[in-house]
Amino acid sequence: MSAEYKIDATPVTDDQAEGLAKELLDEAREKLGFVPNMYRAMAINPGVLSTYLHGYEHFRTQDNFTPPEQETVLLTISLANGCDYCTAAHSMLAINVSKLSAEHTQTLRDGKPLSDPKLEALRKFTHHMWETRGLPTKAEAEAFKDAGYTDQHVLEIILALAVKTVSNYANHVNHTEVDDAFAPYAVDKTVKAA
């Protein structure tokens, strides 16, 4: 098996940031109190960071999903894409910000069905959308809608898939180091899947 590719660029430091990169990193620091390593890595190409932040803000503020539902979607996609950075970040956000229970968060991380039927329908359909590359079967879409969701929610999952593809793939090629704020939720690489 060949080694994974890593881009030949260093994440943008505060001293190096200029133009749009500086603007976006400064806004992140003001809003979050720190600049996540993922943002610094994306700022190598400020258009990538801008696209991610713009789409992420829309996903978070449209109120189509509750905060726990948002984290269910974002964690499901991050796990499916194998993004350890986003899995750690969204696990922390799920429990501490979005108030998804620690039990549900761990169940998602373990790749198991959720005990909450509506959240499980959301998890299952989100994974189906990822797995089919946005070509859901009629039966899966109807089951999702029978759980209380709408076509607007289907489109919202597409937005989340786009946003998470940008961040997950950028983290893959940047080999982004998990920030201290997310470190307690880092993926344990020593645990082997059954």
Protein backbone atom coordinates (compact mmCIF):
# COMPACT_ATOMS: atom_id res chain seq x y z
CA MET A 1 0.00 0.00 0.00
CA SER A 2 1.45 3.36 -0.95
CA ALA A 3 1.76 6.25 1.48
CA GLU A 4 -0.94 8.89 1.39
CA TYR A 5 -0.11 12.07 -0.47
CA LYS A 6 0.60 15.23 1.52
CA ILE A 7 0.65 18.58 -0.20
CA ASP A 8 3.98 20.37 -0.19
CA ALA A 9 2.85 23.52 1.58
CA THR A 10 2.91 24.71 5.16
CA PRO A 11 -0.29 25.86 6.90
CA VAL A 12 -0.61 29.64 6.91
CA THR A 13 0.69 31.35 10.05
CA ASP A 14 -0.51 34.72 11.29
CA ASP A 15 2.74 36.31 10.04
CA GLN A 16 2.24 34.89 6.54
CA ALA A 17 -1.49 35.58 6.16
CA GLU A 18 -2.39 38.21 3.58
CA GLY A 19 -5.53 39.39 1.83
CA LEU A 20 -8.49 37.03 2.01
CA ALA A 21 -6.53 34.47 4.04
CA LYS A 22 -5.74 37.07 6.70
CA GLU A 23 -9.33 38.32 6.75
CA LEU A 24 -10.76 34.81 7.20
CA LEU A 25 -8.24 33.74 9.83
CA ASP A 26 -8.78 36.97 11.80
CA GLU A 27 -12.57 36.43 11.67
CA ALA A 28 -12.13 32.86 12.92
CA ARG A 29 -9.98 34.00 15.83
CA GLU A 30 -12.54 36.65 16.77
CA LYS A 31 -15.46 34.22 16.55
CA LEU A 32 -13.87 31.08 18.03
CA GLY A 33 -11.09 32.46 20.23
CA PHE A 34 -8.47 30.54 18.22
CA VAL A 35 -7.73 29.59 14.63
CA PRO A 36 -8.30 25.86 14.00
CA ASN A 37 -5.43 24.04 12.28
CA MET A 38 -7.87 23.05 9.53
CA TYR A 39 -8.46 26.72 8.67
CA ARG A 40 -4.72 27.42 8.52
CA ALA A 41 -4.23 24.46 6.19
CA MET A 42 -7.13 25.49 3.95
CA ALA A 43 -5.84 29.10 3.85
CA ILE A 44 -3.01 27.92 1.60
CA ASN A 45 -5.72 28.43 -1.02
CA PRO A 46 -8.05 31.08 0.48
CA GLY A 47 -10.81 30.17 -1.97
CA VAL A 48 -11.05 26.72 -0.39
CA LEU A 49 -11.35 28.19 3.11
CA SER A 50 -13.86 30.82 1.96
CA THR A 51 -16.02 28.22 0.19
CA TYR A 52 -15.98 25.97 3.23
CA LEU A 53 -16.82 28.72 5.72
CA HIS A 54 -19.59 30.14 3.53
CA GLY A 55 -21.30 26.75 3.04
CA TYR A 56 -20.80 25.74 6.67
CA GLU A 57 -22.42 28.97 7.88
CA HIS A 58 -25.43 28.36 5.62
CA PHE A 59 -25.79 24.80 6.89
CA ARG A 60 -25.61 25.91 10.52
CA THR A 61 -27.99 28.89 10.25
CA GLN A 62 -30.83 27.71 7.98
CA ASP A 63 -32.65 26.01 10.87
CA ASN A 64 -33.74 23.05 8.77
CA PHE A 65 -32.12 20.67 11.26
CA THR A 66 -31.81 21.03 15.02
CA PRO A 67 -28.22 21.27 16.33
CA PRO A 68 -28.18 17.56 17.35
CA GLU A 69 -29.47 16.65 13.88
CA GLN A 70 -26.77 18.82 12.28
CA GLU A 71 -24.07 16.97 14.19
CA THR A 72 -25.61 13.63 13.23
CA VAL A 73 -25.28 14.63 9.57
CA LEU A 74 -21.78 16.12 9.88
CA LEU A 75 -20.39 13.24 11.93
CA THR A 76 -21.93 10.64 9.63
CA ILE A 77 -20.27 12.23 6.60
CA SER A 78 -16.92 12.80 8.32
CA LEU A 79 -16.84 9.18 9.49
CA ALA A 80 -17.80 7.89 6.04
CA ASN A 81 -15.03 9.98 4.48
CA GLY A 82 -12.54 8.76 7.08
CA CYS A 83 -11.66 12.25 8.30
CA ASP A 84 -10.15 11.90 11.77
CA TYR A 85 -9.82 15.68 12.21
CA CYS A 86 -13.50 16.40 11.54
CA THR A 87 -14.60 13.36 13.53
CA ALA A 88 -12.76 14.75 16.56
CA ALA A 89 -14.02 18.31 16.00
CA HIS A 90 -17.66 17.32 15.47
CA SER A 91 -17.58 14.92 18.40
CA MET A 92 -16.54 17.79 20.66
CA LEU A 93 -19.12 20.12 19.12
CA ALA A 94 -21.83 17.46 19.29
CA ILE A 95 -21.49 16.97 23.03
CA ASN A 96 -20.48 20.45 24.21
CA VAL A 97 -22.26 22.79 21.80
CA SER A 98 -25.04 21.00 19.91
CA LYS A 99 -26.12 18.89 22.90
CA LEU A 100 -26.19 15.56 21.12
CA SER A 101 -25.84 13.06 23.92
CA ALA A 102 -22.44 11.51 24.58
CA GLU A 103 -24.12 8.12 24.06
CA HIS A 104 -25.44 9.05 20.61
CA THR A 105 -22.12 10.63 19.68
CA GLN A 106 -20.21 7.48 20.61
CA THR A 107 -22.76 5.29 18.83
CA LEU A 108 -22.24 7.34 15.66
CA ARG A 109 -18.46 7.02 16.04
CA ASP A 110 -18.86 3.27 16.47
CA GLY A 111 -20.89 3.07 13.24
CA LYS A 112 -23.90 1.57 14.98
CA PRO A 113 -27.62 2.41 14.69
CA LEU A 114 -28.91 5.15 16.98
CA SER A 115 -31.60 4.35 19.55
CA ASP A 116 -33.56 7.50 18.62
CA PRO A 117 -35.69 6.51 15.59
CA LYS A 118 -35.72 9.96 13.97
CA LEU A 119 -31.98 10.50 14.38
CA GLU A 120 -31.37 6.97 13.11
CA ALA A 121 -33.45 7.71 9.99
CA LEU A 122 -31.33 10.83 9.48
CA ARG A 123 -28.06 8.95 10.00
CA LYS A 124 -29.13 6.15 7.69
CA PHE A 125 -30.30 8.45 4.89
CA THR A 126 -27.24 10.70 5.15
CA HIS A 127 -25.01 7.65 4.79
CA HIS A 128 -27.17 6.43 1.89
CA MET A 129 -26.72 9.81 0.16
CA TRP A 130 -22.95 9.57 0.68
CA GLU A 131 -22.82 5.95 -0.46
CA THR A 132 -24.89 6.55 -3.62
CA ARG A 133 -23.13 9.84 -4.45
CA GLY A 134 -26.42 11.70 -4.22
CA LEU A 135 -28.56 9.18 -6.08
CA PRO A 136 -30.94 7.96 -3.37
CA THR A 137 -33.42 5.22 -4.04
CA LYS A 138 -37.08 6.11 -3.88
CA ALA A 139 -37.55 3.64 -1.00
CA GLU A 140 -34.75 5.22 1.09
CA ALA A 141 -36.05 8.74 0.42
CA GLU A 142 -39.59 7.73 1.38
CA ALA A 143 -38.38 6.10 4.60
CA PHE A 144 -36.48 9.29 5.42
CA LYS A 145 -39.56 11.44 4.78
CA ASP A 146 -41.76 9.02 6.74
CA ALA A 147 -39.53 9.77 9.74
CA GLY A 148 -40.62 13.42 9.60
CA TYR A 149 -38.20 14.99 7.13
CA THR A 150 -38.89 16.78 3.84
CA ASP A 151 -37.29 17.33 0.45
CA GLN A 152 -35.79 20.54 1.90
CA HIS A 153 -33.90 18.30 4.33
CA VAL A 154 -32.67 16.18 1.41
CA LEU A 155 -31.18 19.32 -0.15
CA GLU A 156 -29.70 20.33 3.22
CA ILE A 157 -27.89 16.99 3.38
CA ILE A 158 -26.46 17.75 -0.06
CA LEU A 159 -25.15 21.07 1.29
CA ALA A 160 -23.56 19.22 4.23
CA LEU A 161 -22.02 16.66 1.88
CA ALA A 162 -20.48 19.47 -0.18
CA VAL A 163 -19.14 21.29 2.88
CA LYS A 164 -17.74 18.15 4.49
CA THR A 165 -16.18 17.01 1.22
CA VAL A 166 -14.24 20.28 1.11
CA SER A 167 -13.05 20.01 4.71
CA ASN A 168 -12.56 16.22 4.83
CA TYR A 169 -10.57 16.09 1.60
CA ALA A 170 -8.51 19.18 2.52
CA ASN A 171 -7.67 17.52 5.83
CA HIS A 172 -6.67 14.33 4.00
CA VAL A 173 -4.13 16.05 1.73
CA ASN A 174 -2.92 18.41 4.47
CA HIS A 175 -2.64 15.69 7.14
CA THR A 176 -4.11 18.29 9.50
CA GLU A 177 -3.09 17.90 13.13
CA VAL A 178 -6.02 17.77 15.57
CA ASP A 179 -6.22 20.95 17.67
CA ASP A 180 -5.87 20.75 21.45
CA ALA A 181 -9.54 21.75 21.79
CA PHE A 182 -10.57 18.57 19.93
CA ALA A 183 -7.79 16.23 21.15
CA PRO A 184 -9.90 14.50 23.84
CA TYR A 185 -12.17 13.34 21.00
CA ALA A 186 -9.40 12.17 18.65
CA VAL A 187 -9.88 8.87 16.85
CA ASP A 188 -7.98 6.09 18.57
CA LYS A 189 -5.89 4.51 15.82
CA THR A 190 -4.84 1.66 18.09
CA VAL A 191 -8.39 0.21 18.15
CA LYS A 192 -8.88 -2.25 15.30
CA ALA A 193 -12.28 -2.60 13.64
CA ALA A 194 -13.97 -5.94 14.20
